[in-house]
């Protein structure tokens, strides 16, 4: 696994809009830039970042602007500006050899999952599923989850502990609810290679030429895999069927544990709960449900391709990067 160089003070982060631009959240973006600079990062933007609409620009433009940041030797990390719904349409246009031959961090969350996942599973390059995209680091006093993100970007691979509080309601920014992880198959203490992303996006990769998951997990079968899923908009039944889809595709063959975040837009059908259907889909695999990853704040910084130890019991909830 290729681990790109971690950042140093003064390094440049290149921001590009592979899905939505930031126009609708321009104030939040400007505040994010202030916080990046306060934490000793410099920034450059591609031309499509400040655009509006459902998508920032054509698929060709988005692909070329992404590639330009990887070709720019001054840029040490590439961050996707926002999520959205249309990143998938640029995958067939990207020259992935440019990304694969210019090793630097690629970071994003939600819709950028497909980019991160392909770079890690197809090319053995670690990528970062960040606690937010580039309009979310806008708080006057940054939450610990964001400060931890900055520490990790600089190579301080701190042990991340379960946060005491989480959002009371999705998108509310009201972190007043007691944060409880649910161990579906008992206490968890597992090590393995971390891999995952937004479940809603990952399911669309199955059956495409970009899905090299089975080759990837075979390569790392001796370490085993720790899967994580950010669940955006899935009912209990949708989540069940998607987990079965992954299972039938062979993805969980060497799974040591599965970490499932809090469902952002939850909707239940029938009598079975989310927990019951997760258990039904995954059987005896150790599972932590309502883990600190995803759209419901706060979220850990997850590095695809790195080995981790995850613990969840009545005394501790944590994720730690290990050699």
C-alpha atoms as a PDB file:
ATOM      1  CA  UNK A   1       0.000   0.000   0.000  1.00  0.00           C
ATOM      2  CA  UNK A   2       1.367   3.386  -1.019  1.00  0.00           C
ATOM      3  CA  UNK A   3       0.957   5.970   1.750  1.00  0.00           C
ATOM      4  CA  UNK A   4       1.306   9.495   0.332  1.00  0.00           C
ATOM      5  CA  UNK A   5       3.463  11.974   2.224  1.00  0.00           C
ATOM      6  CA  UNK A   6       1.625  13.676   5.049  1.00  0.00           C
ATOM      7  CA  UNK A   7       1.342  17.450   4.955  1.00  0.00           C
ATOM      8  CA  UNK A   8       3.610  20.036   6.518  1.00  0.00           C
ATOM      9  CA  UNK A   9       2.863  23.598   7.523  1.00  0.00           C
ATOM     10  CA  UNK A  10       2.582  25.739   4.429  1.00  0.00           C
ATOM     11  CA  UNK A  11       1.742  22.894   2.071  1.00  0.00           C
ATOM     12  CA  UNK A  12      -0.835  23.488  -0.653  1.00  0.00           C
ATOM     13  CA  UNK A  13      -4.212  21.756  -0.759  1.00  0.00           C
ATOM     14  CA  UNK A  14      -5.789  21.804  -4.210  1.00  0.00           C
ATOM     15  CA  UNK A  15      -9.589  21.967  -4.191  1.00  0.00           C
ATOM     16  CA  UNK A  16     -11.702  20.880  -7.147  1.00  0.00           C
ATOM     17  CA  UNK A  17     -15.422  20.346  -7.690  1.00  0.00           C
ATOM     18  CA  UNK A  18     -15.878  16.792  -8.982  1.00  0.00           C
ATOM     19  CA  UNK A  19     -19.595  16.985  -8.229  1.00  0.00           C
ATOM     20  CA  UNK A  20     -21.356  20.120  -6.932  1.00  0.00           C
ATOM     21  CA  UNK A  21     -19.690  23.498  -6.789  1.00  0.00           C
ATOM     22  CA  UNK A  22     -19.807  25.595  -3.633  1.00  0.00           C
ATOM     23  CA  UNK A  23     -21.889  28.570  -4.840  1.00  0.00           C
ATOM     24  CA  UNK A  24     -24.912  27.678  -2.685  1.00  0.00           C
ATOM     25  CA  UNK A  25     -22.635  27.421   0.345  1.00  0.00           C
ATOM     26  CA  UNK A  26     -20.149  30.115  -0.518  1.00  0.00           C
ATOM     27  CA  UNK A  27     -20.145  31.639   2.976  1.00  0.00           C
ATOM     28  CA  UNK A  28     -19.346  28.275   4.541  1.00  0.00           C
ATOM     29  CA  UNK A  29     -16.622  27.711   1.955  1.00  0.00           C
ATOM     30  CA  UNK A  30     -15.012  31.083   2.666  1.00  0.00           C
ATOM     31  CA  UNK A  31     -15.002  30.308   6.399  1.00  0.00           C
ATOM     32  CA  UNK A  32     -13.474  26.913   5.647  1.00  0.00           C
ATOM     33  CA  UNK A  33     -10.652  28.626   3.764  1.00  0.00           C
ATOM     34  CA  UNK A  34     -10.020  30.856   6.776  1.00  0.00           C
ATOM     35  CA  UNK A  35      -9.752  27.817   9.052  1.00  0.00           C
ATOM     36  CA  UNK A  36      -7.450  25.999   6.653  1.00  0.00           C
ATOM     37  CA  UNK A  37      -5.125  28.977   6.632  1.00  0.00           C
ATOM     38  CA  UNK A  38      -5.303  29.262  10.438  1.00  0.00           C
ATOM     39  CA  UNK A  39      -4.080  25.684  10.564  1.00  0.00           C
ATOM     40  CA  UNK A  40      -1.125  26.495   8.280  1.00  0.00           C
ATOM     41  CA  UNK A  41      -2.460  25.132   4.998  1.00  0.00           C
ATOM     42  CA  UNK A  42      -2.408  27.061   1.745  1.00  0.00           C
ATOM     43  CA  UNK A  43      -5.083  26.550  -0.908  1.00  0.00           C
ATOM     44  CA  UNK A  44      -5.539  26.753  -4.648  1.00  0.00           C
ATOM     45  CA  UNK A  45      -8.852  26.192  -6.444  1.00  0.00           C
ATOM     46  CA  UNK A  46      -9.740  24.946  -9.904  1.00  0.00           C
ATOM     47  CA  UNK A  47     -12.071  27.089 -12.007  1.00  0.00           C
ATOM     48  CA  UNK A  48     -15.167  24.979 -11.304  1.00  0.00           C
ATOM     49  CA  UNK A  49     -15.120  25.220  -7.505  1.00  0.00           C
ATOM     50  CA  UNK A  50     -17.300  28.335  -7.142  1.00  0.00           C
ATOM     51  CA  UNK A  51     -19.943  27.230  -9.635  1.00  0.00           C
ATOM     52  CA  UNK A  52     -23.605  26.546  -8.856  1.00  0.00           C
ATOM     53  CA  UNK A  53     -26.235  24.098 -10.089  1.00  0.00           C
ATOM     54  CA  UNK A  54     -26.522  20.351  -9.626  1.00  0.00           C
ATOM     55  CA  UNK A  55     -23.041  19.841 -11.034  1.00  0.00           C
ATOM     56  CA  UNK A  56     -20.122  22.243 -11.259  1.00  0.00           C
ATOM     57  CA  UNK A  57     -19.190  21.643 -14.900  1.00  0.00           C
ATOM     58  CA  UNK A  58     -19.166  19.013 -17.632  1.00  0.00           C
ATOM     59  CA  UNK A  59     -17.710  15.591 -16.889  1.00  0.00           C
ATOM     60  CA  UNK A  60     -14.770  16.334 -19.188  1.00  0.00           C
ATOM     61  CA  UNK A  61     -13.968  19.621 -17.455  1.00  0.00           C
ATOM     62  CA  UNK A  62     -14.240  18.022 -14.026  1.00  0.00           C
ATOM     63  CA  UNK A  63     -11.909  15.201 -15.040  1.00  0.00           C
ATOM     64  CA  UNK A  64      -9.299  17.539 -16.533  1.00  0.00           C
ATOM     65  CA  UNK A  65      -9.367  19.883 -13.529  1.00  0.00           C
ATOM     66  CA  UNK A  66      -8.919  16.969 -11.143  1.00  0.00           C
ATOM     67  CA  UNK A  67      -5.978  15.696 -13.194  1.00  0.00           C
ATOM     68  CA  UNK A  68      -4.427  19.176 -13.267  1.00  0.00           C
ATOM     69  CA  UNK A  69      -4.082  19.159  -9.490  1.00  0.00           C
ATOM     70  CA  UNK A  70      -2.375  15.768  -9.518  1.00  0.00           C
ATOM     71  CA  UNK A  71       0.025  17.027 -12.206  1.00  0.00           C
ATOM     72  CA  UNK A  72       0.796  20.185 -10.215  1.00  0.00           C
ATOM     73  CA  UNK A  73       3.955  19.352  -8.237  1.00  0.00           C
ATOM     74  CA  UNK A  74       3.238  22.168  -5.766  1.00  0.00           C
ATOM     75  CA  UNK A  75      -0.040  20.573  -4.664  1.00  0.00           C
ATOM     76  CA  UNK A  76       0.460  18.059  -1.856  1.00  0.00           C
ATOM     77  CA  UNK A  77      -3.173  17.035  -1.357  1.00  0.00           C
ATOM     78  CA  UNK A  78      -6.330  17.125  -3.476  1.00  0.00           C
ATOM     79  CA  UNK A  79      -9.670  17.733  -1.736  1.00  0.00           C
ATOM     80  CA  UNK A  80     -13.107  17.494  -3.331  1.00  0.00           C
ATOM     81  CA  UNK A  81     -15.118  20.664  -2.744  1.00  0.00           C
ATOM     82  CA  UNK A  82     -18.572  19.162  -2.092  1.00  0.00           C
ATOM     83  CA  UNK A  83     -20.623  16.033  -2.466  1.00  0.00           C
ATOM     84  CA  UNK A  84     -23.568  15.719  -4.820  1.00  0.00           C
ATOM     85  CA  UNK A  85     -24.956  13.119  -7.204  1.00  0.00           C
ATOM     86  CA  UNK A  86     -23.040  13.236 -10.464  1.00  0.00           C
ATOM     87  CA  UNK A  87     -19.398  12.359  -9.820  1.00  0.00           C
ATOM     88  CA  UNK A  88     -20.071   8.889 -11.234  1.00  0.00           C
ATOM     89  CA  UNK A  89     -20.416  10.261 -14.770  1.00  0.00           C
ATOM     90  CA  UNK A  90     -16.781  11.410 -14.895  1.00  0.00           C
ATOM     91  CA  UNK A  91     -15.205   8.075 -13.903  1.00  0.00           C
ATOM     92  CA  UNK A  92     -14.913   6.810 -17.472  1.00  0.00           C
ATOM     93  CA  UNK A  93     -13.180  10.033 -18.560  1.00  0.00           C
ATOM     94  CA  UNK A  94     -10.524  10.318 -15.850  1.00  0.00           C
ATOM     95  CA  UNK A  95      -7.005   9.291 -16.783  1.00  0.00           C
ATOM     96  CA  UNK A  96      -6.378   7.282 -13.621  1.00  0.00           C
ATOM     97  CA  UNK A  97      -2.734   6.773 -14.598  1.00  0.00           C
ATOM     98  CA  UNK A  98      -2.188  10.448 -13.762  1.00  0.00           C
ATOM     99  CA  UNK A  99      -3.635   9.947 -10.281  1.00  0.00           C
ATOM    100  CA  UNK A 100      -1.766   6.678  -9.793  1.00  0.00           C
ATOM    101  CA  UNK A 101       1.626   8.049 -10.853  1.00  0.00           C
ATOM    102  CA  UNK A 102       1.511  11.274  -8.845  1.00  0.00           C
ATOM    103  CA  UNK A 103       1.219  10.136  -5.256  1.00  0.00           C
ATOM    104  CA  UNK A 104      -0.608  12.597  -3.042  1.00  0.00           C
ATOM    105  CA  UNK A 105      -3.554  12.462  -0.700  1.00  0.00           C
ATOM    106  CA  UNK A 106      -7.043  12.497  -2.174  1.00  0.00           C
ATOM    107  CA  UNK A 107      -9.711  13.443   0.369  1.00  0.00           C
ATOM    108  CA  UNK A 108     -13.475  13.763   0.337  1.00  0.00           C
ATOM    109  CA  UNK A 109     -16.684  12.255   1.631  1.00  0.00           C
ATOM    110  CA  UNK A 110     -20.072  11.152   0.296  1.00  0.00           C
ATOM    111  CA  UNK A 111     -20.184  11.376  -3.535  1.00  0.00           C
ATOM    112  CA  UNK A 112     -16.346  11.392  -3.851  1.00  0.00           C
ATOM    113  CA  UNK A 113     -16.402   7.831  -2.461  1.00  0.00           C
ATOM    114  CA  UNK A 114     -16.071   6.314  -5.922  1.00  0.00           C
ATOM    115  CA  UNK A 115     -12.846   8.220  -6.612  1.00  0.00           C
ATOM    116  CA  UNK A 116     -11.298   7.318  -3.267  1.00  0.00           C
ATOM    117  CA  UNK A 117     -12.356   3.697  -3.451  1.00  0.00           C
ATOM    118  CA  UNK A 118     -11.053   3.175  -6.987  1.00  0.00           C
ATOM    119  CA  UNK A 119      -7.695   4.773  -6.204  1.00  0.00           C
ATOM    120  CA  UNK A 120      -7.228   2.535  -3.161  1.00  0.00           C
ATOM    121  CA  UNK A 121      -8.609  -0.763  -4.453  1.00  0.00           C
ATOM    122  CA  UNK A 122      -7.328  -0.503  -8.047  1.00  0.00           C
ATOM    123  CA  UNK A 123      -3.977   1.198  -7.457  1.00  0.00           C
ATOM    124  CA  UNK A 124      -3.018   0.469  -3.836  1.00  0.00           C
ATOM    125  CA  UNK A 125      -2.872   4.142  -2.848  1.00  0.00           C
ATOM    126  CA  UNK A 126      -4.274   5.176   0.532  1.00  0.00           C
ATOM    127  CA  UNK A 127      -7.029   7.810   0.463  1.00  0.00           C
ATOM    128  CA  UNK A 128      -8.875   9.807   3.110  1.00  0.00           C
ATOM    129  CA  UNK A 129     -12.607   9.669   3.799  1.00  0.00           C
ATOM    130  CA  UNK A 130     -12.818  13.005   5.572  1.00  0.00           C
ATOM    131  CA  UNK A 131     -15.284  14.082   8.288  1.00  0.00           C
ATOM    132  CA  UNK A 132     -16.713  16.614   5.819  1.00  0.00           C
ATOM    133  CA  UNK A 133     -15.995  18.213   2.465  1.00  0.00           C
ATOM    134  CA  UNK A 134     -14.715  21.731   1.881  1.00  0.00           C
ATOM    135  CA  UNK A 135     -17.815  23.609   3.014  1.00  0.00           C
ATOM    136  CA  UNK A 136     -17.992  21.909   6.409  1.00  0.00           C
ATOM    137  CA  UNK A 137     -14.898  23.227   8.183  1.00  0.00           C
ATOM    138  CA  UNK A 138     -16.605  26.557   8.771  1.00  0.00           C
ATOM    139  CA  UNK A 139     -17.115  26.691  12.545  1.00  0.00           C
ATOM    140  CA  UNK A 140     -15.611  29.616  14.446  1.00  0.00           C
ATOM    141  CA  UNK A 141     -14.411  27.116  17.067  1.00  0.00           C
ATOM    142  CA  UNK A 142     -13.736  23.852  15.275  1.00  0.00           C
ATOM    143  CA  UNK A 143     -15.082  20.606  16.716  1.00  0.00           C
ATOM    144  CA  UNK A 144     -12.508  18.052  17.845  1.00  0.00           C
ATOM    145  CA  UNK A 145     -13.379  15.846  14.868  1.00  0.00           C
ATOM    146  CA  UNK A 146     -12.102  18.562  12.515  1.00  0.00           C
ATOM    147  CA  UNK A 147      -9.042  19.344  14.622  1.00  0.00           C
ATOM    148  CA  UNK A 148      -8.251  15.630  14.607  1.00  0.00           C
ATOM    149  CA  UNK A 149      -8.584  15.650  10.823  1.00  0.00           C
ATOM    150  CA  UNK A 150      -5.948  18.372  10.594  1.00  0.00           C
ATOM    151  CA  UNK A 151      -3.659  16.442  12.966  1.00  0.00           C
ATOM    152  CA  UNK A 152      -3.972  13.309  10.853  1.00  0.00           C
ATOM    153  CA  UNK A 153      -3.285  15.246   7.643  1.00  0.00           C
ATOM    154  CA  UNK A 154       0.017  16.297   9.228  1.00  0.00           C
ATOM    155  CA  UNK A 155       0.924  12.702  10.110  1.00  0.00           C
ATOM    156  CA  UNK A 156      -0.146  12.679  13.743  1.00  0.00           C
ATOM    157  CA  UNK A 157      -2.165   9.463  13.573  1.00  0.00           C
ATOM    158  CA  UNK A 158      -3.965   9.969  16.841  1.00  0.00           C
ATOM    159  CA  UNK A 159      -6.220   7.341  18.350  1.00  0.00           C
ATOM    160  CA  UNK A 160      -9.786   8.493  17.695  1.00  0.00           C
ATOM    161  CA  UNK A 161     -12.241   7.894  20.541  1.00  0.00           C
ATOM    162  CA  UNK A 162     -16.026   7.705  20.364  1.00  0.00           C
ATOM    163  CA  UNK A 163     -17.447  11.181  20.839  1.00  0.00           C
ATOM    164  CA  UNK A 164     -19.735  11.741  23.803  1.00  0.00           C
ATOM    165  CA  UNK A 165     -22.359  13.628  21.787  1.00  0.00           C
ATOM    166  CA  UNK A 166     -23.717  13.473  18.257  1.00  0.00           C
ATOM    167  CA  UNK A 167     -26.269  15.378  16.179  1.00  0.00           C
ATOM    168  CA  UNK A 168     -29.768  15.296  17.601  1.00  0.00           C
ATOM    169  CA  UNK A 169     -31.159  15.415  14.068  1.00  0.00           C
ATOM    170  CA  UNK A 170     -29.414  15.144  10.709  1.00  0.00           C
ATOM    171  CA  UNK A 171     -28.120  18.483   9.332  1.00  0.00           C
ATOM    172  CA  UNK A 172     -29.035  20.250  12.588  1.00  0.00           C
ATOM    173  CA  UNK A 173     -25.487  20.955  13.871  1.00  0.00           C
ATOM    174  CA  UNK A 174     -27.037  20.363  17.308  1.00  0.00           C
ATOM    175  CA  UNK A 175     -24.571  17.988  18.967  1.00  0.00           C
ATOM    176  CA  UNK A 176     -26.627  17.386  22.109  1.00  0.00           C
ATOM    177  CA  UNK A 177     -27.652  13.744  21.752  1.00  0.00           C
ATOM    178  CA  UNK A 178     -25.849  11.036  23.706  1.00  0.00           C
ATOM    179  CA  UNK A 179     -23.681   9.116  21.265  1.00  0.00           C
ATOM    180  CA  UNK A 180     -24.091   5.345  21.572  1.00  0.00           C
ATOM    181  CA  UNK A 181     -22.469   2.686  19.435  1.00  0.00           C
ATOM    182  CA  UNK A 182     -24.400  -0.578  19.093  1.00  0.00           C
ATOM    183  CA  UNK A 183     -22.407  -3.814  19.057  1.00  0.00           C
ATOM    184  CA  UNK A 184     -24.709  -6.126  17.142  1.00  0.00           C
ATOM    185  CA  UNK A 185     -22.669  -9.281  17.753  1.00  0.00           C
ATOM    186  CA  UNK A 186     -21.037  -8.448  21.082  1.00  0.00           C
ATOM    187  CA  UNK A 187     -17.881  -6.538  21.991  1.00  0.00           C
ATOM    188  CA  UNK A 188     -15.502  -5.695  19.144  1.00  0.00           C
ATOM    189  CA  UNK A 189     -11.698  -5.824  19.231  1.00  0.00           C
ATOM    190  CA  UNK A 190     -10.411  -6.384  15.701  1.00  0.00           C
ATOM    191  CA  UNK A 191      -7.526  -5.422  13.423  1.00  0.00           C
ATOM    192  CA  UNK A 192      -7.475  -5.200   9.647  1.00  0.00           C
ATOM    193  CA  UNK A 193      -7.103  -3.036   6.559  1.00  0.00           C
ATOM    194  CA  UNK A 194      -9.642  -0.207   6.575  1.00  0.00           C
ATOM    195  CA  UNK A 195     -11.797   0.168   3.473  1.00  0.00           C
ATOM    196  CA  UNK A 196     -15.214   1.630   2.674  1.00  0.00           C
ATOM    197  CA  UNK A 197     -17.032   4.888   2.050  1.00  0.00           C
ATOM    198  CA  UNK A 198     -20.576   6.018   1.359  1.00  0.00           C
ATOM    199  CA  UNK A 199     -22.698   2.891   0.961  1.00  0.00           C
ATOM    200  CA  UNK A 200     -25.105   4.639  -1.404  1.00  0.00           C
ATOM    201  CA  UNK A 201     -22.207   5.221  -3.826  1.00  0.00           C
ATOM    202  CA  UNK A 202     -20.317   1.957  -3.398  1.00  0.00           C
ATOM    203  CA  UNK A 203     -23.276  -0.153  -4.482  1.00  0.00           C
ATOM    204  CA  UNK A 204     -23.173   1.458  -7.924  1.00  0.00           C
ATOM    205  CA  UNK A 205     -19.601   0.285  -8.532  1.00  0.00           C
ATOM    206  CA  UNK A 206     -20.540  -3.402  -8.458  1.00  0.00           C
ATOM    207  CA  UNK A 207     -20.444  -4.892 -11.953  1.00  0.00           C
ATOM    208  CA  UNK A 208     -18.372  -2.050 -13.438  1.00  0.00           C
ATOM    209  CA  UNK A 209     -14.792  -2.293 -14.649  1.00  0.00           C
ATOM    210  CA  UNK A 210     -13.795  -0.209 -11.625  1.00  0.00           C
ATOM    211  CA  UNK A 211     -14.830  -2.878  -9.130  1.00  0.00           C
ATOM    212  CA  UNK A 212     -11.606  -4.679  -8.277  1.00  0.00           C
ATOM    213  CA  UNK A 213     -12.710  -5.356  -4.723  1.00  0.00           C
ATOM    214  CA  UNK A 214     -12.189  -9.099  -4.840  1.00  0.00           C
ATOM    215  CA  UNK A 215      -8.617  -8.741  -6.120  1.00  0.00           C
ATOM    216  CA  UNK A 216      -7.969  -6.175  -3.391  1.00  0.00           C
ATOM    217  CA  UNK A 217      -9.290  -8.290  -0.533  1.00  0.00           C
ATOM    218  CA  UNK A 218      -7.393 -11.338  -1.771  1.00  0.00           C
ATOM    219  CA  UNK A 219      -4.181  -9.309  -1.631  1.00  0.00           C
ATOM    220  CA  UNK A 220      -4.858  -8.307   1.979  1.00  0.00           C
ATOM    221  CA  UNK A 221      -6.569 -11.463   3.171  1.00  0.00           C
ATOM    222  CA  UNK A 222      -3.826 -12.230   5.717  1.00  0.00           C
ATOM    223  CA  UNK A 223      -4.564  -8.961   7.541  1.00  0.00           C
ATOM    224  CA  UNK A 224      -8.322  -9.115   6.971  1.00  0.00           C
ATOM    225  CA  UNK A 225     -10.580  -6.170   6.181  1.00  0.00           C
ATOM    226  CA  UNK A 226     -12.349  -3.661   8.418  1.00  0.00           C
ATOM    227  CA  UNK A 227     -15.253  -2.337   6.366  1.00  0.00           C
ATOM    228  CA  UNK A 228     -16.975   0.983   7.120  1.00  0.00           C
ATOM    229  CA  UNK A 229     -20.119   2.432   5.587  1.00  0.00           C
ATOM    230  CA  UNK A 230     -21.513   5.957   5.668  1.00  0.00           C
ATOM    231  CA  UNK A 231     -25.245   5.447   5.054  1.00  0.00           C
ATOM    232  CA  UNK A 232     -26.927   8.509   3.597  1.00  0.00           C
ATOM    233  CA  UNK A 233     -30.421   7.652   2.367  1.00  0.00           C
ATOM    234  CA  UNK A 234     -31.353   4.011   2.890  1.00  0.00           C
ATOM    235  CA  UNK A 235     -34.433   2.511   4.490  1.00  0.00           C
ATOM    236  CA  UNK A 236     -34.005  -0.515   6.709  1.00  0.00           C
ATOM    237  CA  UNK A 237     -34.917  -2.774   3.764  1.00  0.00           C
ATOM    238  CA  UNK A 238     -32.647  -0.919   1.309  1.00  0.00           C
ATOM    239  CA  UNK A 239     -29.736  -1.234   3.714  1.00  0.00           C
ATOM    240  CA  UNK A 240     -30.430  -4.946   4.178  1.00  0.00           C
ATOM    241  CA  UNK A 241     -30.526  -5.596   0.440  1.00  0.00           C
ATOM    242  CA  UNK A 242     -27.398  -3.527  -0.195  1.00  0.00           C
ATOM    243  CA  UNK A 243     -25.439  -5.421   2.464  1.00  0.00           C
ATOM    244  CA  UNK A 244     -26.620  -8.652   0.861  1.00  0.00           C
ATOM    245  CA  UNK A 245     -25.481  -7.315  -2.518  1.00  0.00           C
ATOM    246  CA  UNK A 246     -21.985  -6.720  -1.112  1.00  0.00           C
ATOM    247  CA  UNK A 247     -22.032 -10.139   0.539  1.00  0.00           C
ATOM    248  CA  UNK A 248     -23.104 -11.916  -2.658  1.00  0.00           C
ATOM    249  CA  UNK A 249     -20.376 -10.036  -4.557  1.00  0.00           C
ATOM    250  CA  UNK A 250     -17.809 -11.548  -2.177  1.00  0.00           C
ATOM    251  CA  UNK A 251     -16.775  -8.324  -0.490  1.00  0.00           C
ATOM    252  CA  UNK A 252     -17.088  -9.670   3.069  1.00  0.00           C
ATOM    253  CA  UNK A 253     -15.063 -12.854   2.471  1.00  0.00           C
ATOM    254  CA  UNK A 254     -12.232 -11.697   4.756  1.00  0.00           C
ATOM    255  CA  UNK A 255     -14.168  -9.172   6.863  1.00  0.00           C
ATOM    256  CA  UNK A 256     -12.913  -8.871  10.438  1.00  0.00           C
ATOM    257  CA  UNK A 257     -15.536  -6.248  11.321  1.00  0.00           C
ATOM    258  CA  UNK A 258     -18.117  -3.951   9.723  1.00  0.00           C
ATOM    259  CA  UNK A 259     -18.625  -0.369  10.960  1.00  0.00           C
ATOM    260  CA  UNK A 260     -21.934   1.189   9.954  1.00  0.00           C
ATOM    261  CA  UNK A 261     -22.582   4.868  10.592  1.00  0.00           C
ATOM    262  CA  UNK A 262     -25.771   6.516  11.747  1.00  0.00           C
ATOM    263  CA  UNK A 263     -28.312   6.576   8.917  1.00  0.00           C
ATOM    264  CA  UNK A 264     -28.697  10.181   7.800  1.00  0.00           C
ATOM    265  CA  UNK A 265     -32.156   9.869   6.208  1.00  0.00           C
ATOM    266  CA  UNK A 266     -33.794   6.915   7.932  1.00  0.00           C
ATOM    267  CA  UNK A 267     -37.054   5.301   6.921  1.00  0.00           C
ATOM    268  CA  UNK A 268     -38.336   1.938   8.110  1.00  0.00           C
ATOM    269  CA  UNK A 269     -40.716  -0.462   6.380  1.00  0.00           C
ATOM    270  CA  UNK A 270     -42.310  -3.447   8.043  1.00  0.00           C
ATOM    271  CA  UNK A 271     -41.583  -4.639  11.552  1.00  0.00           C
ATOM    272  CA  UNK A 272     -37.840  -5.397  11.384  1.00  0.00           C
ATOM    273  CA  UNK A 273     -35.465  -2.793  12.816  1.00  0.00           C
ATOM    274  CA  UNK A 274     -32.229  -1.637  11.224  1.00  0.00           C
ATOM    275  CA  UNK A 275     -30.296  -3.660  13.816  1.00  0.00           C
ATOM    276  CA  UNK A 276     -32.264  -6.828  13.123  1.00  0.00           C
ATOM    277  CA  UNK A 277     -31.779  -6.590   9.367  1.00  0.00           C
ATOM    278  CA  UNK A 278     -28.060  -5.794   9.700  1.00  0.00           C
ATOM    279  CA  UNK A 279     -27.695  -8.901  11.834  1.00  0.00           C
ATOM    280  CA  UNK A 280     -29.706 -10.927   9.324  1.00  0.00           C
ATOM    281  CA  UNK A 281     -27.525  -9.745   6.430  1.00  0.00           C
ATOM    282  CA  UNK A 282     -24.106 -10.041   8.066  1.00  0.00           C
ATOM    283  CA  UNK A 283     -24.556 -13.025  10.360  1.00  0.00           C
ATOM    284  CA  UNK A 284     -21.781 -13.432  12.915  1.00  0.00           C
ATOM    285  CA  UNK A 285     -19.371 -10.774  11.562  1.00  0.00           C
ATOM    286  CA  UNK A 286     -18.547  -8.303  14.370  1.00  0.00           C
ATOM    287  CA  UNK A 287     -20.589  -5.164  13.673  1.00  0.00           C
ATOM    288  CA  UNK A 288     -20.660  -1.702  15.221  1.00  0.00           C
ATOM    289  CA  UNK A 289     -23.818   0.159  14.230  1.00  0.00           C
ATOM    290  CA  UNK A 290     -24.144   3.928  14.692  1.00  0.00           C
ATOM    291  CA  UNK A 291     -20.357   4.241  14.461  1.00  0.00           C
ATOM    292  CA  UNK A 292     -18.823   7.729  14.219  1.00  0.00           C
ATOM    293  CA  UNK A 293     -18.602   7.932  10.436  1.00  0.00           C
ATOM    294  CA  UNK A 294     -20.763   9.655   7.887  1.00  0.00           C
ATOM    295  CA  UNK A 295     -23.185  12.494   7.320  1.00  0.00           C
ATOM    296  CA  UNK A 296     -24.404  12.558  10.929  1.00  0.00           C
ATOM    297  CA  UNK A 297     -21.849  14.538  12.907  1.00  0.00           C
ATOM    298  CA  UNK A 298     -19.291  14.009  14.312  1.00  0.00           C
ATOM    299  CA  UNK A 299     -17.276  11.684  12.135  1.00  0.00           C
ATOM    300  CA  UNK A 300     -13.859  10.068  12.348  1.00  0.00           C
ATOM    301  CA  UNK A 301     -11.162  10.566   9.728  1.00  0.00           C
ATOM    302  CA  UNK A 302     -10.939   7.239   7.882  1.00  0.00           C
ATOM    303  CA  UNK A 303      -7.847   6.314   5.845  1.00  0.00           C
ATOM    304  CA  UNK A 304      -8.632   3.715   3.218  1.00  0.00           C
ATOM    305  CA  UNK A 305      -5.825   1.182   2.899  1.00  0.00           C
ATOM    306  CA  UNK A 306      -4.241   1.607   6.320  1.00  0.00           C
ATOM    307  CA  UNK A 307      -4.290  -1.019   9.049  1.00  0.00           C
ATOM    308  CA  UNK A 308      -6.421  -0.186  12.081  1.00  0.00           C
ATOM    309  CA  UNK A 309      -7.521  -1.577  15.397  1.00  0.00           C
ATOM    310  CA  UNK A 310     -11.143  -0.941  16.328  1.00  0.00           C
ATOM    311  CA  UNK A 311     -12.488  -1.450  19.841  1.00  0.00           C
ATOM    312  CA  UNK A 312     -16.032  -1.191  21.134  1.00  0.00           C
ATOM    313  CA  UNK A 313     -17.064  -2.310  24.607  1.00  0.00           C
ATOM    314  CA  UNK A 314     -18.565  -0.762  27.740  1.00  0.00           C
ATOM    315  CA  UNK A 315     -15.217   0.808  28.631  1.00  0.00           C
ATOM    316  CA  UNK A 316     -13.949   2.106  25.301  1.00  0.00           C
ATOM    317  CA  UNK A 317     -14.908   2.938  21.738  1.00  0.00           C
ATOM    318  CA  UNK A 318     -11.973   3.760  19.483  1.00  0.00           C
ATOM    319  CA  UNK A 319     -10.191   3.451  16.166  1.00  0.00           C
ATOM    320  CA  UNK A 320      -6.398   3.472  15.971  1.00  0.00           C
ATOM    321  CA  UNK A 321      -4.008   3.291  13.027  1.00  0.00           C
ATOM    322  CA  UNK A 322      -1.320   0.672  13.583  1.00  0.00           C
ATOM    323  CA  UNK A 323       1.835  -0.511  11.828  1.00  0.00           C
END
